[in-house]
Amino acid sequence: MVYILFSFSAFIRGLRKLFLLHPPRRFAAAMYIYNYGLM
């Protein structure tokens, strides 16, 4: 449980960095989150 939370926080951190680099790719990032949640 803690490991999942930690990996998810790291994932969110990387995603925020991706937002800063590529603001227009918000839809692609949202789809990535959706697929990540399904797995």
PDB file of N, CA and C in Angstrom:
ATOM      1  N   MET A   1       0.836  -1.207   0.000  1.00  0.00           N
ATOM      2  CA  MET A   1       0.000   0.000   0.000  1.00  0.00           C
ATOM      3  C   MET A   1       0.869   1.255   0.000  1.00  0.00           C
ATOM      4  N   VAL A   2       1.851   1.277   0.905  1.00  0.00           N
ATOM      5  CA  VAL A   2       2.756   2.429   0.983  1.00  0.00           C
ATOM      6  C   VAL A   2       3.579   2.533  -0.294  1.00  0.00           C
ATOM      7  N   TYR A   3       3.993   1.367  -0.828  1.00  0.00           N
ATOM      8  CA  TYR A   3       4.799   1.359  -2.051  1.00  0.00           C
ATOM      9  C   TYR A   3       3.995   1.929  -3.222  1.00  0.00           C
ATOM     10  N   ILE A   4       2.719   1.552  -3.300  1.00  0.00           N
ATOM     11  CA  ILE A   4       1.847   2.052  -4.368  1.00  0.00           C
ATOM     12  C   ILE A   4       1.693   3.566  -4.250  1.00  0.00           C
ATOM     13  N   LEU A   5       1.515   4.046  -3.021  1.00  0.00           N
ATOM     14  CA  LEU A   5       1.360   5.483  -2.789  1.00  0.00           C
ATOM     15  C   LEU A   5       2.634   6.219  -3.174  1.00  0.00           C
ATOM     16  N   PHE A   6       3.783   5.646  -2.805  1.00  0.00           N
ATOM     17  CA  PHE A   6       5.066   6.277  -3.108  1.00  0.00           C
ATOM     18  C   PHE A   6       5.302   6.336  -4.614  1.00  0.00           C
ATOM     19  N   SER A   7       5.036   5.231  -5.301  1.00  0.00           N
ATOM     20  CA  SER A   7       5.236   5.192  -6.753  1.00  0.00           C
ATOM     21  C   SER A   7       4.268   6.152  -7.445  1.00  0.00           C
ATOM     22  N   PHE A   8       3.057   6.264  -6.906  1.00  0.00           N
ATOM     23  CA  PHE A   8       2.070   7.164  -7.499  1.00  0.00           C
ATOM     24  C   PHE A   8       2.487   8.618  -7.308  1.00  0.00           C
ATOM     25  N   SER A   9       3.059   8.942  -6.138  1.00  0.00           N
ATOM     26  CA  SER A   9       3.514  10.319  -5.891  1.00  0.00           C
ATOM     27  C   SER A   9       4.671  10.661  -6.822  1.00  0.00           C
ATOM     28  N   ALA A  10       5.578   9.695  -7.028  1.00  0.00           N
ATOM     29  CA  ALA A  10       6.699   9.913  -7.946  1.00  0.00           C
ATOM     30  C   ALA A  10       6.173  10.079  -9.373  1.00  0.00           C
ATOM     31  N   PHE A  11       5.132   9.315  -9.711  1.00  0.00           N
ATOM     32  CA  PHE A  11       4.511   9.403 -11.032  1.00  0.00           C
ATOM     33  C   PHE A  11       3.896  10.785 -11.244  1.00  0.00           C
ATOM     34  N   ILE A  12       3.215  11.291 -10.219  1.00  0.00           N
ATOM     35  CA  ILE A  12       2.605  12.627 -10.294  1.00  0.00           C
ATOM     36  C   ILE A  12       3.677  13.694 -10.425  1.00  0.00           C
ATOM     37  N   ARG A  13       4.794  13.493  -9.706  1.00  0.00           N
ATOM     38  CA  ARG A  13       5.884  14.469  -9.766  1.00  0.00           C
ATOM     39  C   ARG A  13       6.457  14.529 -11.180  1.00  0.00           C
ATOM     40  N   GLY A  14       6.679  13.371 -11.788  1.00  0.00           N
ATOM     41  CA  GLY A  14       7.197  13.315 -13.151  1.00  0.00           C
ATOM     42  C   GLY A  14       6.204  13.901 -14.141  1.00  0.00           C
ATOM     43  N   LEU A  15       4.916  13.694 -13.862  1.00  0.00           N
ATOM     44  CA  LEU A  15       3.873  14.214 -14.744  1.00  0.00           C
ATOM     45  C   LEU A  15       3.831  15.737 -14.679  1.00  0.00           C
ATOM     46  N   ARG A  16       4.046  16.282 -13.469  1.00  0.00           N
ATOM     47  CA  ARG A  16       4.057  17.740 -13.329  1.00  0.00           C
ATOM     48  C   ARG A  16       5.241  18.332 -14.083  1.00  0.00           C
ATOM     49  N   LYS A  17       6.373  17.611 -14.043  1.00  0.00           N
ATOM     50  CA  LYS A  17       7.556  18.054 -14.786  1.00  0.00           C
ATOM     51  C   LYS A  17       7.257  18.015 -16.288  1.00  0.00           C
ATOM     52  N   LEU A  18       6.498  16.993 -16.714  1.00  0.00           N
ATOM     53  CA  LEU A  18       6.116  16.875 -18.122  1.00  0.00           C
ATOM     54  C   LEU A  18       5.209  18.040 -18.516  1.00  0.00           C
ATOM     55  N   PHE A  19       4.314  18.434 -17.608  1.00  0.00           N
ATOM     56  CA  PHE A  19       3.429  19.578 -17.860  1.00  0.00           C
ATOM     57  C   PHE A  19       4.243  20.842 -18.076  1.00  0.00           C
ATOM     58  N   LEU A  20       5.281  21.037 -17.245  1.00  0.00           N
ATOM     59  CA  LEU A  20       6.107  22.236 -17.360  1.00  0.00           C
ATOM     60  C   LEU A  20       6.854  22.250 -18.690  1.00  0.00           C
ATOM     61  N   LEU A  21       7.250  21.062 -19.156  1.00  0.00           N
ATOM     62  CA  LEU A  21       7.992  20.985 -20.412  1.00  0.00           C
ATOM     63  C   LEU A  21       7.067  21.104 -21.619  1.00  0.00           C
ATOM     64  N   HIS A  22       5.938  20.391 -21.580  1.00  0.00           N
ATOM     65  CA  HIS A  22       5.035  20.362 -22.736  1.00  0.00           C
ATOM     66  C   HIS A  22       3.602  20.660 -22.300  1.00  0.00           C
ATOM     67  N   PRO A  23       3.235  21.918 -22.120  1.00  0.00           N
ATOM     68  CA  PRO A  23       1.866  22.261 -21.718  1.00  0.00           C
ATOM     69  C   PRO A  23       0.784  21.777 -22.693  1.00  0.00           C
ATOM     70  N   PRO A  24       1.023  21.758 -24.017  1.00  0.00           N
ATOM     71  CA  PRO A  24      -0.033  21.332 -24.941  1.00  0.00           C
ATOM     72  C   PRO A  24      -0.351  19.842 -24.869  1.00  0.00           C
ATOM     73  N   ARG A  25       0.527  19.058 -24.232  1.00  0.00           N
ATOM     74  CA  ARG A  25       0.321  17.603 -24.222  1.00  0.00           C
ATOM     75  C   ARG A  25      -0.528  17.156 -23.036  1.00  0.00           C
ATOM     76  N   ARG A  26      -1.399  18.024 -22.577  1.00  0.00           N
ATOM     77  CA  ARG A  26      -2.197  17.709 -21.393  1.00  0.00           C
ATOM     78  C   ARG A  26      -3.153  16.543 -21.658  1.00  0.00           C
ATOM     79  N   PHE A  27      -3.707  16.481 -22.861  1.00  0.00           N
ATOM     80  CA  PHE A  27      -4.631  15.393 -23.198  1.00  0.00           C
ATOM     81  C   PHE A  27      -3.906  14.050 -23.216  1.00  0.00           C
ATOM     82  N   ALA A  28      -2.696  14.041 -23.789  1.00  0.00           N
ATOM     83  CA  ALA A  28      -1.907  12.810 -23.837  1.00  0.00           C
ATOM     84  C   ALA A  28      -1.552  12.362 -22.423  1.00  0.00           C
ATOM     85  N   ALA A  29      -1.224  13.314 -21.561  1.00  0.00           N
ATOM     86  CA  ALA A  29      -0.896  12.984 -20.176  1.00  0.00           C
ATOM     87  C   ALA A  29      -2.124  12.434 -19.449  1.00  0.00           C
ATOM     88  N   ALA A  30      -3.291  13.009 -19.744  1.00  0.00           N
ATOM     89  CA  ALA A  30      -4.532  12.530 -19.129  1.00  0.00           C
ATOM     90  C   ALA A  30      -4.830  11.100 -19.570  1.00  0.00           C
ATOM     91  N   MET A  31      -4.613  10.799 -20.844  1.00  0.00           N
ATOM     92  CA  MET A  31      -4.807   9.441 -21.345  1.00  0.00           C
ATOM     93  C   MET A  31      -3.809   8.493 -20.703  1.00  0.00           C
ATOM     94  N   TYR A  32      -2.579   8.987 -20.457  1.00  0.00           N
ATOM     95  CA  TYR A  32      -1.549   8.174 -19.813  1.00  0.00           C
ATOM     96  C   TYR A  32      -1.966   7.840 -18.383  1.00  0.00           C
ATOM     97  N   ILE A  33      -2.535   8.824 -17.678  1.00  0.00           N
ATOM     98  CA  ILE A  33      -3.022   8.590 -16.314  1.00  0.00           C
ATOM     99  C   ILE A  33      -4.154   7.563 -16.338  1.00  0.00           C
ATOM    100  N   TYR A  34      -5.036   7.683 -17.327  1.00  0.00           N
ATOM    101  CA  TYR A  34      -6.176   6.774 -17.435  1.00  0.00           C
ATOM    102  C   TYR A  34      -5.698   5.333 -17.636  1.00  0.00           C
ATOM    103  N   ASN A  35      -4.742   5.144 -18.559  1.00  0.00           N
ATOM    104  CA  ASN A  35      -4.204   3.809 -18.814  1.00  0.00           C
ATOM    105  C   ASN A  35      -3.440   3.293 -17.603  1.00  0.00           C
ATOM    106  N   TYR A  36      -2.739   4.198 -16.895  1.00  0.00           N
ATOM    107  CA  TYR A  36      -1.986   3.812 -15.697  1.00  0.00           C
ATOM    108  C   TYR A  36      -2.941   3.341 -14.603  1.00  0.00           C
ATOM    109  N   GLY A  37      -4.103   3.983 -14.526  1.00  0.00           N
ATOM    110  CA  GLY A  37      -5.086   3.602 -13.519  1.00  0.00           C
ATOM    111  C   GLY A  37      -5.735   2.257 -13.840  1.00  0.00           C
ATOM    112  N   LEU A  38      -5.851   1.931 -15.128  1.00  0.00           N
ATOM    113  CA  LEU A  38      -6.446   0.653 -15.516  1.00  0.00           C
ATOM    114  C   LEU A  38      -5.513  -0.507 -15.208  1.00  0.00           C
ATOM    115  N   MET A  39      -4.206  -0.284 -15.271  1.00  0.00           N
ATOM    116  CA  MET A  39      -3.257  -1.360 -15.040  1.00  0.00           C
ATOM    117  C   MET A  39      -3.034  -1.654 -13.551  1.00  0.00           C
TER     118      MET A  39
END
